[in-house]
């Protein structure tokens, strides 16, 4: 079961390290942060950089939610586990499947490639392929796509790398 922990933006990697170090592997199977790759032009050269896909969130994989919850009290900087009412709820099967298909085993969303055909974005390769419906806006200059998707019980706005190679 995947759970989502809300943390201060900017402290995600620190919290991830604390969880991996302080929580037993019997309780916490995995602790990860999904990333996305984007291309940036730095001093005239295009370089690939990794950025956090969901700033302010760390993902936890555990079958022992009660023990996990009590162990998380030792973590400095944790704000809360996402809940519905008083109940800590895992991500739905659909959300987990989407994240696995989007970021793969490494949870890194690679840069997608696409074209603009009749004012519509068509993704030719990469994790955005078949997910064009989530795209709300693109920035061709910065090679980014801005998405809105239902996640954690609300609509999340995220950005991922998208290179438009042609306009037809």
N, C-alpha and C. Protein backbone atom coordinates (compact mmCIF):
# COMPACT_ATOMS: atom_id res chain seq x y z
N UNK A 1 0.85 -1.18 0.00
CA UNK A 1 0.00 0.00 0.00
C UNK A 1 0.89 1.24 0.00
N UNK A 2 0.56 2.18 -0.87
CA UNK A 2 1.32 3.43 -0.94
C UNK A 2 0.58 4.52 -0.18
N UNK A 3 1.31 5.19 0.69
CA UNK A 3 0.76 6.30 1.46
C UNK A 3 1.53 7.57 1.08
N UNK A 4 0.90 8.71 1.30
CA UNK A 4 1.53 9.98 0.95
C UNK A 4 1.69 10.82 2.21
N UNK A 5 2.90 11.32 2.38
CA UNK A 5 3.24 12.14 3.53
C UNK A 5 3.47 13.57 3.04
N UNK A 6 2.82 14.52 3.69
CA UNK A 6 3.00 15.91 3.32
C UNK A 6 4.13 16.49 4.18
N UNK A 7 5.07 17.18 3.51
CA UNK A 7 6.22 17.76 4.20
C UNK A 7 6.43 19.19 3.70
N UNK A 8 7.32 19.91 4.36
CA UNK A 8 7.65 21.25 3.88
C UNK A 8 8.35 21.14 2.53
N UNK A 9 7.92 21.94 1.57
CA UNK A 9 8.56 21.94 0.25
C UNK A 9 10.03 22.30 0.42
N UNK A 10 10.88 21.50 -0.20
CA UNK A 10 12.32 21.70 -0.08
C UNK A 10 12.97 20.73 0.88
N UNK A 11 12.17 20.08 1.74
CA UNK A 11 12.74 19.14 2.73
C UNK A 11 12.46 17.68 2.35
N UNK A 12 11.94 17.44 1.15
CA UNK A 12 11.53 16.09 0.76
C UNK A 12 12.68 15.07 0.87
N UNK A 13 13.85 15.41 0.32
CA UNK A 13 14.96 14.44 0.31
C UNK A 13 15.50 14.19 1.70
N UNK A 14 15.52 15.21 2.55
CA UNK A 14 15.96 15.05 3.93
C UNK A 14 15.02 14.10 4.68
N UNK A 15 13.72 14.29 4.51
CA UNK A 15 12.72 13.44 5.16
C UNK A 15 12.83 12.00 4.65
N UNK A 16 13.04 11.85 3.34
CA UNK A 16 13.20 10.51 2.76
C UNK A 16 14.38 9.80 3.42
N UNK A 17 15.51 10.47 3.56
CA UNK A 17 16.69 9.87 4.19
C UNK A 17 16.41 9.49 5.65
N UNK A 18 15.72 10.37 6.38
CA UNK A 18 15.37 10.06 7.77
C UNK A 18 14.51 8.80 7.86
N UNK A 19 13.52 8.70 6.98
CA UNK A 19 12.62 7.54 6.99
C UNK A 19 13.40 6.26 6.69
N UNK A 20 14.25 6.31 5.67
CA UNK A 20 15.02 5.12 5.29
C UNK A 20 15.97 4.70 6.40
N UNK A 21 16.51 5.67 7.14
CA UNK A 21 17.49 5.38 8.18
C UNK A 21 16.82 4.93 9.48
N UNK A 22 15.71 5.59 9.86
CA UNK A 22 15.13 5.39 11.18
C UNK A 22 13.98 4.39 11.26
N UNK A 23 13.38 4.04 10.12
CA UNK A 23 12.22 3.14 10.18
C UNK A 23 12.63 1.77 9.64
N UNK A 24 12.32 0.76 10.42
CA UNK A 24 12.69 -0.62 10.08
C UNK A 24 12.09 -1.06 8.75
N UNK A 25 12.82 -1.91 8.02
CA UNK A 25 12.34 -2.40 6.73
C UNK A 25 11.16 -3.34 6.89
N UNK A 26 10.90 -3.82 8.11
CA UNK A 26 9.70 -4.64 8.37
C UNK A 26 8.45 -3.77 8.25
N UNK A 27 8.59 -2.49 8.61
CA UNK A 27 7.46 -1.56 8.61
C UNK A 27 7.39 -0.79 7.29
N UNK A 28 8.54 -0.29 6.84
CA UNK A 28 8.59 0.55 5.65
C UNK A 28 9.32 -0.19 4.53
N UNK A 29 8.55 -0.62 3.52
CA UNK A 29 9.16 -1.35 2.41
C UNK A 29 9.94 -0.42 1.50
N UNK A 30 9.41 0.79 1.28
CA UNK A 30 10.08 1.74 0.41
C UNK A 30 9.63 3.15 0.76
N UNK A 31 10.51 4.09 0.53
CA UNK A 31 10.21 5.50 0.72
C UNK A 31 10.83 6.20 -0.49
N UNK A 32 10.02 6.92 -1.26
CA UNK A 32 10.54 7.50 -2.49
C UNK A 32 9.89 8.82 -2.82
N UNK A 33 10.55 9.53 -3.72
CA UNK A 33 10.07 10.81 -4.22
C UNK A 33 10.02 10.71 -5.74
N UNK A 34 8.86 10.84 -6.36
CA UNK A 34 8.82 10.83 -7.83
C UNK A 34 9.47 12.10 -8.40
N UNK A 35 10.24 11.94 -9.45
CA UNK A 35 10.92 13.05 -10.12
C UNK A 35 10.46 13.13 -11.57
N UNK A 36 10.74 14.26 -12.20
CA UNK A 36 10.58 14.38 -13.64
C UNK A 36 11.86 14.98 -14.21
N UNK A 37 12.13 14.65 -15.46
CA UNK A 37 13.30 15.21 -16.13
C UNK A 37 12.85 16.32 -17.06
N UNK A 38 13.66 17.35 -17.14
CA UNK A 38 13.39 18.42 -18.09
C UNK A 38 14.71 18.87 -18.70
N UNK A 39 14.63 19.41 -19.90
CA UNK A 39 15.82 19.90 -20.56
C UNK A 39 15.92 21.40 -20.32
N UNK A 40 17.12 21.85 -19.92
CA UNK A 40 17.37 23.27 -19.67
C UNK A 40 18.57 23.70 -20.50
N UNK A 41 18.48 24.90 -21.00
CA UNK A 41 19.58 25.45 -21.78
C UNK A 41 20.49 26.21 -20.82
N UNK A 42 21.65 25.62 -20.54
CA UNK A 42 22.60 26.23 -19.62
C UNK A 42 23.86 26.58 -20.40
N UNK A 43 24.11 27.87 -20.52
CA UNK A 43 25.26 28.40 -21.26
C UNK A 43 25.33 27.84 -22.68
N UNK A 44 24.18 27.79 -23.34
CA UNK A 44 24.12 27.38 -24.73
C UNK A 44 24.10 25.88 -24.96
N UNK A 45 24.09 25.09 -23.89
CA UNK A 45 24.08 23.63 -24.03
C UNK A 45 22.84 23.06 -23.33
N UNK A 46 22.11 22.17 -24.03
CA UNK A 46 20.91 21.57 -23.45
C UNK A 46 21.32 20.45 -22.51
N UNK A 47 20.88 20.56 -21.25
CA UNK A 47 21.22 19.56 -20.25
C UNK A 47 19.92 19.05 -19.62
N UNK A 48 19.93 17.77 -19.21
CA UNK A 48 18.76 17.18 -18.56
C UNK A 48 18.92 17.33 -17.04
N UNK A 49 17.87 17.87 -16.42
CA UNK A 49 17.87 18.03 -14.97
C UNK A 49 16.69 17.28 -14.37
N UNK A 50 16.85 16.85 -13.12
CA UNK A 50 15.76 16.20 -12.39
C UNK A 50 15.15 17.17 -11.40
N UNK A 51 13.82 17.17 -11.38
CA UNK A 51 13.08 18.00 -10.42
C UNK A 51 12.02 17.12 -9.75
N UNK A 52 11.57 17.55 -8.58
CA UNK A 52 10.56 16.79 -7.84
C UNK A 52 9.19 16.97 -8.51
N UNK A 53 8.53 15.84 -8.80
CA UNK A 53 7.25 15.86 -9.50
C UNK A 53 6.13 16.44 -8.63
N UNK A 54 6.08 16.04 -7.37
CA UNK A 54 5.06 16.54 -6.44
C UNK A 54 5.77 17.24 -5.28
N UNK A 55 6.12 18.53 -5.44
CA UNK A 55 6.81 19.23 -4.34
C UNK A 55 5.96 19.20 -3.07
N UNK A 56 6.61 18.89 -1.94
CA UNK A 56 5.90 18.85 -0.66
C UNK A 56 5.34 17.50 -0.30
N UNK A 57 5.65 16.46 -1.09
CA UNK A 57 5.12 15.12 -0.81
C UNK A 57 6.21 14.06 -0.88
N UNK A 58 6.15 13.09 0.05
CA UNK A 58 7.04 11.93 0.04
C UNK A 58 6.12 10.70 0.08
N UNK A 59 6.46 9.68 -0.70
CA UNK A 59 5.64 8.48 -0.82
C UNK A 59 6.22 7.35 0.02
N UNK A 60 5.34 6.61 0.68
CA UNK A 60 5.74 5.51 1.56
C UNK A 60 5.02 4.25 1.13
N UNK A 61 5.75 3.14 1.07
CA UNK A 61 5.15 1.84 0.74
C UNK A 61 5.22 0.98 1.99
N UNK A 62 4.06 0.62 2.54
CA UNK A 62 4.03 -0.15 3.78
C UNK A 62 2.74 -0.95 3.87
N UNK A 63 2.85 -2.11 4.51
CA UNK A 63 1.66 -2.92 4.80
C UNK A 63 1.23 -2.73 6.26
N UNK A 64 2.05 -2.02 7.04
CA UNK A 64 1.84 -1.86 8.48
C UNK A 64 1.53 -0.40 8.81
N UNK A 65 0.37 0.07 8.44
CA UNK A 65 0.08 1.50 8.57
C UNK A 65 0.10 1.98 10.02
N UNK A 66 -0.34 1.17 10.97
CA UNK A 66 -0.37 1.60 12.37
C UNK A 66 1.05 1.76 12.91
N UNK A 67 1.91 0.76 12.65
CA UNK A 67 3.31 0.86 13.09
C UNK A 67 4.03 1.99 12.34
N UNK A 68 3.72 2.14 11.06
CA UNK A 68 4.33 3.20 10.27
C UNK A 68 3.98 4.56 10.87
N UNK A 69 2.72 4.75 11.19
CA UNK A 69 2.24 6.02 11.74
C UNK A 69 2.97 6.35 13.04
N UNK A 70 3.13 5.34 13.91
CA UNK A 70 3.82 5.60 15.19
C UNK A 70 5.31 5.86 14.96
N UNK A 71 5.95 5.17 14.02
CA UNK A 71 7.37 5.41 13.72
C UNK A 71 7.60 6.79 13.11
N UNK A 72 6.63 7.29 12.35
CA UNK A 72 6.79 8.58 11.69
C UNK A 72 6.84 9.75 12.68
N UNK A 73 6.40 9.52 13.91
CA UNK A 73 6.44 10.60 14.91
C UNK A 73 7.88 11.02 15.22
N UNK A 74 8.85 10.12 14.96
CA UNK A 74 10.26 10.43 15.21
C UNK A 74 10.86 11.28 14.09
N UNK A 75 10.18 11.37 12.96
CA UNK A 75 10.72 12.08 11.80
C UNK A 75 10.55 13.58 11.99
N UNK A 76 11.65 14.31 11.90
CA UNK A 76 11.64 15.76 12.05
C UNK A 76 11.21 16.40 10.73
N UNK A 77 10.20 17.25 10.76
CA UNK A 77 9.79 17.97 9.56
C UNK A 77 8.54 17.41 8.90
N UNK A 78 8.03 16.29 9.39
CA UNK A 78 6.80 15.71 8.85
C UNK A 78 5.63 16.62 9.22
N UNK A 79 4.78 16.93 8.26
CA UNK A 79 3.58 17.69 8.63
C UNK A 79 2.42 16.72 8.86
N UNK A 80 2.15 15.83 7.90
CA UNK A 80 1.07 14.87 8.13
C UNK A 80 1.04 13.80 7.05
N UNK A 81 0.40 12.69 7.38
CA UNK A 81 0.05 11.68 6.38
C UNK A 81 -1.30 12.09 5.82
N UNK A 82 -1.49 11.90 4.52
CA UNK A 82 -2.78 12.28 3.94
C UNK A 82 -3.87 11.34 4.44
N UNK A 83 -4.98 11.95 4.86
CA UNK A 83 -6.09 11.21 5.46
C UNK A 83 -7.40 11.61 4.81
N UNK A 84 -8.40 10.77 5.02
CA UNK A 84 -9.78 11.13 4.72
C UNK A 84 -10.47 11.09 6.07
N UNK A 85 -10.82 12.26 6.58
CA UNK A 85 -11.37 12.34 7.94
C UNK A 85 -10.26 11.99 8.92
N UNK A 86 -10.50 10.99 9.78
CA UNK A 86 -9.48 10.54 10.74
C UNK A 86 -8.73 9.32 10.23
N UNK A 87 -9.09 8.82 9.07
CA UNK A 87 -8.54 7.57 8.53
C UNK A 87 -7.37 7.86 7.57
N UNK A 88 -6.19 7.26 7.86
CA UNK A 88 -5.06 7.35 6.92
C UNK A 88 -5.39 6.42 5.75
N UNK A 89 -5.45 6.99 4.55
CA UNK A 89 -5.85 6.18 3.40
C UNK A 89 -4.70 6.05 2.40
N UNK A 90 -4.54 4.83 1.87
CA UNK A 90 -3.51 4.65 0.85
C UNK A 90 -3.99 5.21 -0.49
N UNK A 91 -3.06 5.33 -1.42
CA UNK A 91 -3.45 5.71 -2.78
C UNK A 91 -4.32 4.60 -3.36
N UNK A 92 -5.20 4.96 -4.26
CA UNK A 92 -6.06 3.96 -4.90
C UNK A 92 -5.21 3.13 -5.87
N UNK A 93 -5.73 1.97 -6.25
CA UNK A 93 -5.03 1.12 -7.22
C UNK A 93 -4.79 1.88 -8.53
N UNK A 94 -5.76 2.71 -8.92
CA UNK A 94 -5.62 3.48 -10.16
C UNK A 94 -4.48 4.49 -10.04
N UNK A 95 -4.39 5.16 -8.89
CA UNK A 95 -3.32 6.15 -8.69
C UNK A 95 -1.94 5.48 -8.69
N UNK A 96 -1.83 4.33 -8.02
CA UNK A 96 -0.55 3.59 -7.99
C UNK A 96 -0.20 3.13 -9.39
N UNK A 97 -1.18 2.58 -10.11
CA UNK A 97 -0.93 2.13 -11.49
C UNK A 97 -0.48 3.29 -12.37
N UNK A 98 -1.15 4.43 -12.22
CA UNK A 98 -0.79 5.60 -13.02
C UNK A 98 0.65 6.02 -12.72
N UNK A 99 1.01 6.12 -11.43
CA UNK A 99 2.37 6.54 -11.06
C UNK A 99 3.41 5.55 -11.56
N UNK A 100 3.10 4.25 -11.49
CA UNK A 100 4.06 3.23 -11.98
C UNK A 100 4.22 3.33 -13.49
N UNK A 101 3.13 3.56 -14.21
CA UNK A 101 3.23 3.65 -15.67
C UNK A 101 3.87 4.97 -16.10
N UNK A 102 3.72 5.99 -15.30
CA UNK A 102 4.22 7.32 -15.62
C UNK A 102 5.72 7.44 -15.31
N UNK A 103 6.13 6.96 -14.14
CA UNK A 103 7.52 7.11 -13.72
C UNK A 103 8.35 5.85 -13.76
N UNK A 104 7.71 4.70 -14.03
CA UNK A 104 8.44 3.43 -14.07
C UNK A 104 8.90 3.01 -12.68
N UNK A 105 9.76 2.01 -12.63
CA UNK A 105 10.25 1.49 -11.34
C UNK A 105 11.09 2.53 -10.59
N UNK A 106 11.81 3.35 -11.34
CA UNK A 106 12.68 4.36 -10.72
C UNK A 106 11.91 5.58 -10.25
N UNK A 107 10.64 5.71 -10.66
CA UNK A 107 9.81 6.87 -10.36
C UNK A 107 10.45 8.16 -10.89
N UNK A 108 10.92 8.09 -12.14
CA UNK A 108 11.45 9.27 -12.83
C UNK A 108 10.71 9.39 -14.15
N UNK A 109 9.99 10.49 -14.35
CA UNK A 109 9.24 10.73 -15.58
C UNK A 109 10.21 11.35 -16.59
N UNK A 110 10.53 10.58 -17.62
CA UNK A 110 11.47 11.04 -18.64
C UNK A 110 10.82 12.11 -19.52
N UNK A 111 11.65 12.80 -20.29
CA UNK A 111 11.15 13.82 -21.21
C UNK A 111 10.42 13.11 -22.36
N UNK A 112 9.22 13.56 -22.67
CA UNK A 112 8.45 13.02 -23.78
C UNK A 112 8.71 13.86 -25.03
N UNK A 113 8.44 13.28 -26.19
CA UNK A 113 8.55 14.02 -27.45
C UNK A 113 7.20 14.00 -28.13
N UNK A 114 6.86 15.14 -28.73
CA UNK A 114 5.57 15.21 -29.41
C UNK A 114 5.58 16.22 -30.53
N UNK A 115 4.45 16.30 -31.18
CA UNK A 115 4.26 17.28 -32.25
C UNK A 115 2.96 18.03 -31.98
N UNK A 116 2.83 19.17 -32.63
CA UNK A 116 1.56 19.89 -32.57
C UNK A 116 0.92 19.71 -33.94
N UNK A 117 -0.26 19.10 -33.92
CA UNK A 117 -0.98 18.80 -35.16
C UNK A 117 -2.35 19.45 -35.07
N UNK A 118 -2.63 20.41 -35.96
CA UNK A 118 -3.91 21.13 -35.94
C UNK A 118 -4.20 21.73 -34.56
N UNK A 119 -3.23 22.39 -33.97
CA UNK A 119 -3.35 23.03 -32.65
C UNK A 119 -3.57 22.05 -31.50
N UNK A 120 -3.28 20.77 -31.73
CA UNK A 120 -3.43 19.75 -30.69
C UNK A 120 -2.09 19.08 -30.46
N UNK A 121 -1.76 18.81 -29.20
CA UNK A 121 -0.51 18.13 -28.87
C UNK A 121 -0.69 16.63 -29.06
N UNK A 122 0.21 16.03 -29.83
CA UNK A 122 0.22 14.57 -30.01
C UNK A 122 1.58 14.09 -29.54
N UNK A 123 1.60 13.28 -28.48
CA UNK A 123 2.86 12.79 -27.92
C UNK A 123 3.25 11.52 -28.67
N UNK A 124 4.47 11.55 -29.24
CA UNK A 124 4.96 10.44 -30.07
C UNK A 124 5.73 9.40 -29.26
N UNK A 125 6.42 9.84 -28.20
CA UNK A 125 7.18 8.90 -27.37
C UNK A 125 7.32 9.46 -25.96
N UNK A 126 7.56 8.55 -25.03
CA UNK A 126 7.76 8.95 -23.64
C UNK A 126 6.54 8.68 -22.78
N UNK A 127 6.65 8.96 -21.49
CA UNK A 127 5.59 8.63 -20.54
C UNK A 127 4.27 9.39 -20.75
N UNK A 128 4.30 10.52 -21.45
CA UNK A 128 3.06 11.26 -21.70
C UNK A 128 2.22 10.67 -22.83
N UNK A 129 2.80 9.70 -23.55
CA UNK A 129 2.09 9.10 -24.68
C UNK A 129 0.78 8.47 -24.19
N UNK A 130 -0.32 8.85 -24.80
CA UNK A 130 -1.63 8.34 -24.40
C UNK A 130 -2.24 9.10 -23.24
N UNK A 131 -1.51 10.05 -22.68
CA UNK A 131 -2.01 10.82 -21.54
C UNK A 131 -2.19 12.30 -21.91
N UNK A 132 -2.37 12.57 -23.18
CA UNK A 132 -2.49 13.95 -23.66
C UNK A 132 -3.66 14.68 -23.03
N UNK A 133 -4.68 13.96 -22.62
CA UNK A 133 -5.86 14.58 -22.01
C UNK A 133 -5.55 15.33 -20.72
N UNK A 134 -4.46 14.98 -20.05
CA UNK A 134 -4.09 15.65 -18.81
C UNK A 134 -3.38 16.98 -19.07
N UNK A 135 -2.88 17.17 -20.30
CA UNK A 135 -2.11 18.38 -20.62
C UNK A 135 -3.06 19.58 -20.70
N UNK A 136 -2.78 20.60 -19.90
CA UNK A 136 -3.59 21.81 -19.91
C UNK A 136 -2.90 22.94 -20.64
N UNK A 137 -1.56 22.92 -20.65
CA UNK A 137 -0.80 23.99 -21.26
C UNK A 137 0.60 23.48 -21.57
N UNK A 138 1.24 24.03 -22.61
CA UNK A 138 2.63 23.69 -22.87
C UNK A 138 3.44 24.98 -22.99
N UNK A 139 4.72 24.87 -22.68
CA UNK A 139 5.66 25.97 -22.86
C UNK A 139 6.75 25.42 -23.77
N UNK A 140 6.63 25.72 -25.07
CA UNK A 140 7.58 25.17 -26.04
C UNK A 140 8.98 25.69 -25.80
N UNK A 141 9.10 26.94 -25.38
CA UNK A 141 10.41 27.55 -25.16
C UNK A 141 11.16 26.84 -24.03
N UNK A 142 10.45 26.54 -22.92
CA UNK A 142 11.08 25.88 -21.78
C UNK A 142 10.94 24.36 -21.84
N UNK A 143 10.28 23.86 -22.90
CA UNK A 143 10.11 22.42 -23.13
C UNK A 143 9.43 21.72 -21.94
N UNK A 144 8.26 22.25 -21.59
CA UNK A 144 7.49 21.71 -20.46
C UNK A 144 6.03 21.57 -20.84
N UNK A 145 5.39 20.60 -20.19
CA UNK A 145 3.94 20.45 -20.28
C UNK A 145 3.40 20.60 -18.86
N UNK A 146 2.29 21.32 -18.73
CA UNK A 146 1.63 21.50 -17.45
C UNK A 146 0.38 20.62 -17.44
N UNK A 147 0.30 19.76 -16.44
CA UNK A 147 -0.79 18.79 -16.37
C UNK A 147 -1.67 19.06 -15.15
N UNK A 148 -2.93 18.65 -15.28
CA UNK A 148 -3.84 18.60 -14.13
C UNK A 148 -4.37 17.19 -14.07
N UNK A 149 -4.20 16.56 -12.91
CA UNK A 149 -4.64 15.17 -12.77
C UNK A 149 -5.21 14.93 -11.38
N UNK A 150 -6.24 14.06 -11.30
CA UNK A 150 -6.80 13.75 -9.99
C UNK A 150 -5.82 12.84 -9.23
N UNK A 151 -5.41 13.30 -8.06
CA UNK A 151 -4.45 12.54 -7.25
C UNK A 151 -4.59 13.01 -5.81
N UNK A 152 -4.49 12.11 -4.85
CA UNK A 152 -4.60 12.41 -3.41
C UNK A 152 -5.97 13.03 -3.09
N UNK A 153 -7.00 12.65 -3.82
CA UNK A 153 -8.34 13.14 -3.53
C UNK A 153 -8.61 14.55 -4.01
N UNK A 154 -7.71 15.13 -4.82
CA UNK A 154 -7.97 16.46 -5.39
C UNK A 154 -7.19 16.57 -6.70
N UNK A 155 -7.37 17.67 -7.41
CA UNK A 155 -6.68 17.86 -8.68
C UNK A 155 -5.30 18.44 -8.40
N UNK A 156 -4.26 17.72 -8.85
CA UNK A 156 -2.88 18.17 -8.68
C UNK A 156 -2.40 18.83 -9.96
N UNK A 157 -1.71 19.94 -9.84
CA UNK A 157 -1.10 20.60 -10.99
C UNK A 157 0.39 20.28 -10.95
N UNK A 158 0.87 19.64 -12.02
CA UNK A 158 2.28 19.26 -12.08
C UNK A 158 2.84 19.65 -13.43
N UNK A 159 4.17 19.63 -13.53
CA UNK A 159 4.80 19.87 -14.81
C UNK A 159 5.80 18.77 -15.10
N UNK A 160 5.96 18.45 -16.39
CA UNK A 160 6.89 17.43 -16.84
C UNK A 160 7.57 17.93 -18.11
N UNK A 161 8.65 17.26 -18.48
CA UNK A 161 9.38 17.64 -19.69
C UNK A 161 8.66 17.17 -20.94
N UNK A 162 8.50 18.07 -21.91
CA UNK A 162 7.90 17.73 -23.21
C UNK A 162 8.60 18.54 -24.27
N UNK A 163 9.20 17.84 -25.22
CA UNK A 163 9.87 18.50 -26.32
C UNK A 163 9.01 18.39 -27.56
N UNK A 164 8.60 19.52 -28.09
CA UNK A 164 7.82 19.56 -29.33
C UNK A 164 8.82 19.62 -30.48
N UNK A 165 8.80 18.56 -31.32
CA UNK A 165 9.80 18.46 -32.38
C UNK A 165 9.29 18.99 -33.72
N UNK A 166 7.97 19.16 -33.84
CA UNK A 166 7.43 19.69 -35.11
C UNK A 166 6.05 20.26 -34.87
N UNK A 167 5.67 21.18 -35.76
CA UNK A 167 4.32 21.74 -35.75
C UNK A 167 3.76 21.56 -37.14
N UNK A 168 2.65 20.82 -37.23
CA UNK A 168 2.07 20.50 -38.55
C UNK A 168 0.76 21.25 -38.73
